[in-house]
Protein backbone atom coordinates (compact mmCIF):
# COMPACT_ATOMS: atom_id res chain seq x y z
CA MET A 1 74.72 92.92 54.30
CA MET A 2 77.91 91.09 55.63
CA ARG A 3 79.66 94.51 56.27
CA PRO A 4 77.69 95.81 59.11
CA ARG A 5 77.69 92.24 60.94
CA ARG A 6 81.25 92.19 60.36
CA GLY A 7 81.68 95.68 61.71
CA LEU A 8 79.67 94.92 64.85
CA ALA A 9 81.71 91.58 65.50
CA LEU A 10 85.05 93.70 65.13
CA GLY A 11 83.56 96.40 67.32
CA ALA A 12 82.60 93.78 69.88
CA LEU A 13 86.12 92.08 69.92
CA LEU A 14 87.87 95.53 70.30
CA LEU A 15 85.79 96.13 73.34
CA ALA A 16 86.30 92.98 74.74
CA ALA A 17 89.92 93.29 74.18
CA VAL A 18 89.97 96.66 75.98
CA GLY A 19 87.98 95.51 78.73
CA ALA A 20 90.34 92.48 79.27
CA TRP A 21 93.19 94.72 79.24
CA GLN A 22 91.87 96.93 81.74
CA VAL A 23 90.89 93.97 84.17
CA ALA A 24 94.36 92.47 83.67
CA GLU A 25 96.10 95.88 84.36
CA GLY A 26 93.96 96.14 87.54
CA ALA A 27 94.79 92.56 88.75
CA TRP A 28 98.75 93.02 88.10
CA ILE A 29 98.54 95.89 90.46
CA HIS A 30 97.31 93.69 93.29
CA LEU A 31 99.48 90.53 92.30
CA LYS A 32 102.70 92.85 92.56
CA ALA A 33 101.89 94.04 95.72
CA ARG A 34 101.30 90.42 97.02
CA LEU A 35 104.11 88.95 95.30
CA ALA A 36 106.31 91.92 96.64
CA GLN A 37 105.40 91.12 100.23
CA HIS A 38 106.80 87.53 99.61
CA LEU A 39 110.07 88.87 98.42
CA LEU A 40 110.12 91.44 101.09
CA ALA A 41 109.52 88.55 103.84
CA ARG A 42 112.53 86.99 102.71
CA ALA A 43 114.67 90.22 102.76
CA TRP A 44 113.22 90.77 106.07
CA ALA A 45 114.45 87.61 107.54
CA ARG A 46 118.04 88.37 106.20
CA THR A 47 117.74 91.70 107.91
CA LEU A 48 116.78 89.93 111.26
CA ALA A 49 119.84 87.78 110.62
CA GLY A 50 122.15 90.83 110.54
CA GLU A 51 122.32 91.99 107.12
CA ALA A 52 121.97 95.70 106.57
CA GLU A 53 119.83 97.38 103.77
CA VAL A 54 118.96 94.11 102.08
CA ARG A 55 117.45 94.67 98.66
CA PRO A 56 114.45 92.44 98.01
CA TRP A 57 115.49 92.31 94.25
CA PRO A 58 118.42 93.43 92.58
CA TRP A 59 117.22 96.53 91.33
CA ALA A 60 115.31 97.68 94.22
CA ASP A 61 115.96 101.05 95.54
CA THR A 62 114.61 100.42 99.05
CA TRP A 63 114.81 97.58 101.80
CA PRO A 64 112.78 96.32 104.71
CA VAL A 65 113.00 98.46 107.95
CA ALA A 66 110.20 97.06 109.94
CA ARG A 67 107.29 94.64 110.16
CA LEU A 68 103.75 96.02 110.85
CA ARG A 69 100.76 94.01 112.13
CA VAL A 70 97.28 94.85 113.16
CA PRO A 71 96.32 91.55 114.79
CA ALA A 72 92.49 92.27 115.08
CA ARG A 73 92.48 92.98 111.32
CA GLY A 74 94.77 90.24 109.92
CA ALA A 75 97.33 92.85 108.80
CA ASP A 76 101.08 91.57 108.64
CA LEU A 77 103.14 93.80 106.26
CA ILE A 78 106.86 94.42 105.63
CA VAL A 79 107.49 98.19 105.92
CA LEU A 80 110.05 99.90 103.47
CA ALA A 81 112.67 102.44 103.78
CA GLY A 82 111.03 105.72 102.25
CA VAL A 83 107.68 106.90 100.74
CA SER A 84 108.53 107.56 97.02
CA GLY A 85 105.62 106.30 94.70
CA ARG A 86 107.71 103.55 93.32
CA THR A 87 108.55 102.17 97.35
CA LEU A 88 104.86 102.31 97.95
CA ALA A 89 103.97 100.20 94.98
CA PHE A 90 105.54 97.36 96.74
CA GLY A 91 104.81 98.18 100.40
CA PRO A 92 104.08 100.57 102.95
CA GLY A 93 106.97 103.00 103.68
CA LEU A 94 108.61 104.49 106.60
CA ALA A 95 108.83 108.27 106.21
CA PRO A 96 112.63 109.27 106.41
CA GLY A 97 113.77 111.68 109.08
CA GLY A 98 111.43 110.43 111.75
CA PRO A 99 112.39 108.43 114.99
CA VAL A 100 112.98 104.62 114.78
CA PRO A 101 109.57 103.15 115.83
CA GLY A 102 109.05 102.57 119.21
CA THR A 103 111.62 105.41 120.54
CA PRO A 104 110.28 108.82 121.56
CA GLY A 105 109.01 110.71 118.80
CA THR A 106 106.11 110.01 116.18
CA ALA A 107 107.04 107.52 113.38
CA ILE A 108 105.09 107.90 110.23
CA VAL A 109 104.30 104.92 107.83
CA SER A 110 102.46 105.69 104.66
CA GLY A 111 100.98 102.89 102.30
CA HIS A 112 98.41 103.01 99.10
CA ARG A 113 94.79 102.67 99.87
CA ASP A 114 93.96 100.08 97.24
CA THR A 115 96.41 97.67 98.24
CA HIS A 116 98.71 97.36 101.50
CA PHE A 117 97.02 100.08 103.68
CA GLY A 118 93.15 99.16 102.43
CA VAL A 119 93.03 97.46 105.63
CA LEU A 120 92.94 100.66 107.40
CA ARG A 121 89.26 101.20 106.42
CA ARG A 122 88.76 98.49 108.95
CA VAL A 123 90.88 99.67 111.93
CA ARG A 124 89.00 100.80 114.92
CA ILE A 125 90.04 102.70 117.87
CA GLY A 126 91.48 100.42 120.57
CA ASP A 127 93.15 98.18 118.04
CA GLU A 128 96.75 97.14 118.71
CA VAL A 129 99.38 97.99 116.13
CA VAL A 130 102.73 96.23 116.53
CA LEU A 131 105.91 97.46 115.01
CA GLU A 132 108.93 95.34 114.82
CA VAL A 133 112.46 96.77 114.09
CA PRO A 134 115.64 94.93 114.11
CA HIS A 135 117.17 94.38 117.23
CA ARG A 136 114.63 95.77 119.30
CA ALA A 137 111.59 94.53 121.32
CA PRO A 138 108.26 95.03 119.33
CA ALA A 139 106.83 98.60 119.87
CA ARG A 140 103.21 98.05 120.64
CA PHE A 141 100.66 100.96 120.03
CA ARG A 142 96.87 101.38 120.70
CA VAL A 143 94.90 103.39 118.12
CA ARG A 144 93.30 106.42 119.62
CA GLU A 145 92.21 108.48 116.91
CA LEU A 146 90.76 107.88 113.28
CA ARG A 147 90.63 111.09 111.03
CA VAL A 148 90.64 112.48 107.72
CA VAL A 149 92.96 115.37 107.18
CA ASP A 150 93.88 117.66 104.07
CA ALA A 151 97.67 116.88 103.16
CA ARG A 152 97.83 120.46 102.15
CA THR A 153 97.38 121.92 105.69
CA ALA A 154 97.77 118.77 108.14
CA VAL A 155 100.68 118.92 110.36
CA VAL A 156 101.70 115.79 112.13
CA ALA A 157 102.79 116.86 115.66
CA ARG A 158 105.77 114.75 116.63
CA ALA A 159 105.43 113.95 120.53
CA ALA A 160 108.98 114.37 121.67
CA GLY A 161 108.67 112.28 124.93
CA THR A 162 106.58 109.22 124.06
CA PRO A 163 106.58 106.88 121.38
CA GLY A 164 103.91 107.38 118.92
CA LEU A 165 102.74 106.17 115.45
CA VAL A 166 100.75 107.56 112.42
CA LEU A 167 99.49 105.27 109.74
CA LEU A 168 98.68 107.29 106.53
CA THR A 169 96.79 106.75 103.21
CA CYS A 170 94.89 108.61 100.48
CA TYR A 171 91.29 109.15 101.06
CA PRO A 172 88.49 108.23 100.26
CA PHE A 173 89.13 104.71 100.05
CA ASP A 174 86.96 104.01 97.03
CA ALA A 175 88.08 106.99 94.93
CA VAL A 176 88.22 106.35 91.32
CA VAL A 177 91.01 108.85 90.65
CA PRO A 178 94.12 108.31 92.50
CA GLY A 179 95.63 110.93 94.80
CA GLY A 180 93.77 114.05 95.88
CA PRO A 181 94.55 116.12 98.78
CA LEU A 182 92.80 114.02 101.60
CA ARG A 183 94.43 111.58 103.84
CA TYR A 184 93.04 109.14 106.15
CA ALA A 185 95.14 108.90 109.41
CA VAL A 186 95.39 106.36 112.13
CA VAL A 187 96.82 107.91 115.20
CA ALA A 188 98.25 105.50 117.83
CA GLU A 189 100.12 105.87 120.99
CA ALA A 190 102.54 103.58 122.94
CA ALA A 191 100.61 101.00 124.59
CA ASP A 192 100.90 100.65 128.44
CA GLY A 193 103.42 97.91 129.42
């Protein structure tokens, strides 16, 4: 009579432990993203003071290159150099090979939909996006388009004459499985003076 009860208790304990582990793992992702933004803000301040490629922690393989704000949505994020998975775990990343944000051409900033770029689901056409880079006036953009694209076939048109910005994240926002071919694109153009 004691064995079935003991087995049930052990099974319940095991299920509770697995559940706690899953919750802790999910919470860690968000905690790491928030903690990283604090460390990145310190590195950003040093960057603004004139230091180059300030690594936010000794083993980092990236550094702050910009500050991105969407005032209407309360977003204020430090943008990192590069778009590797390891970089995006800590903050949005500026795609290499593109223009400096605010100069002619289209800059692309990518981020994870479930952490830093979760805010993109609330962005609306007409919202202002401000990108600051060291030693330049802040570049101001207005959102002109929101769209879902297939990463396997989509091409970002790089406007040569005017500054542009594309914010990119995985889609759908509430997907259970990470990745997939769909991306949510927030397309913005230089705001008038």
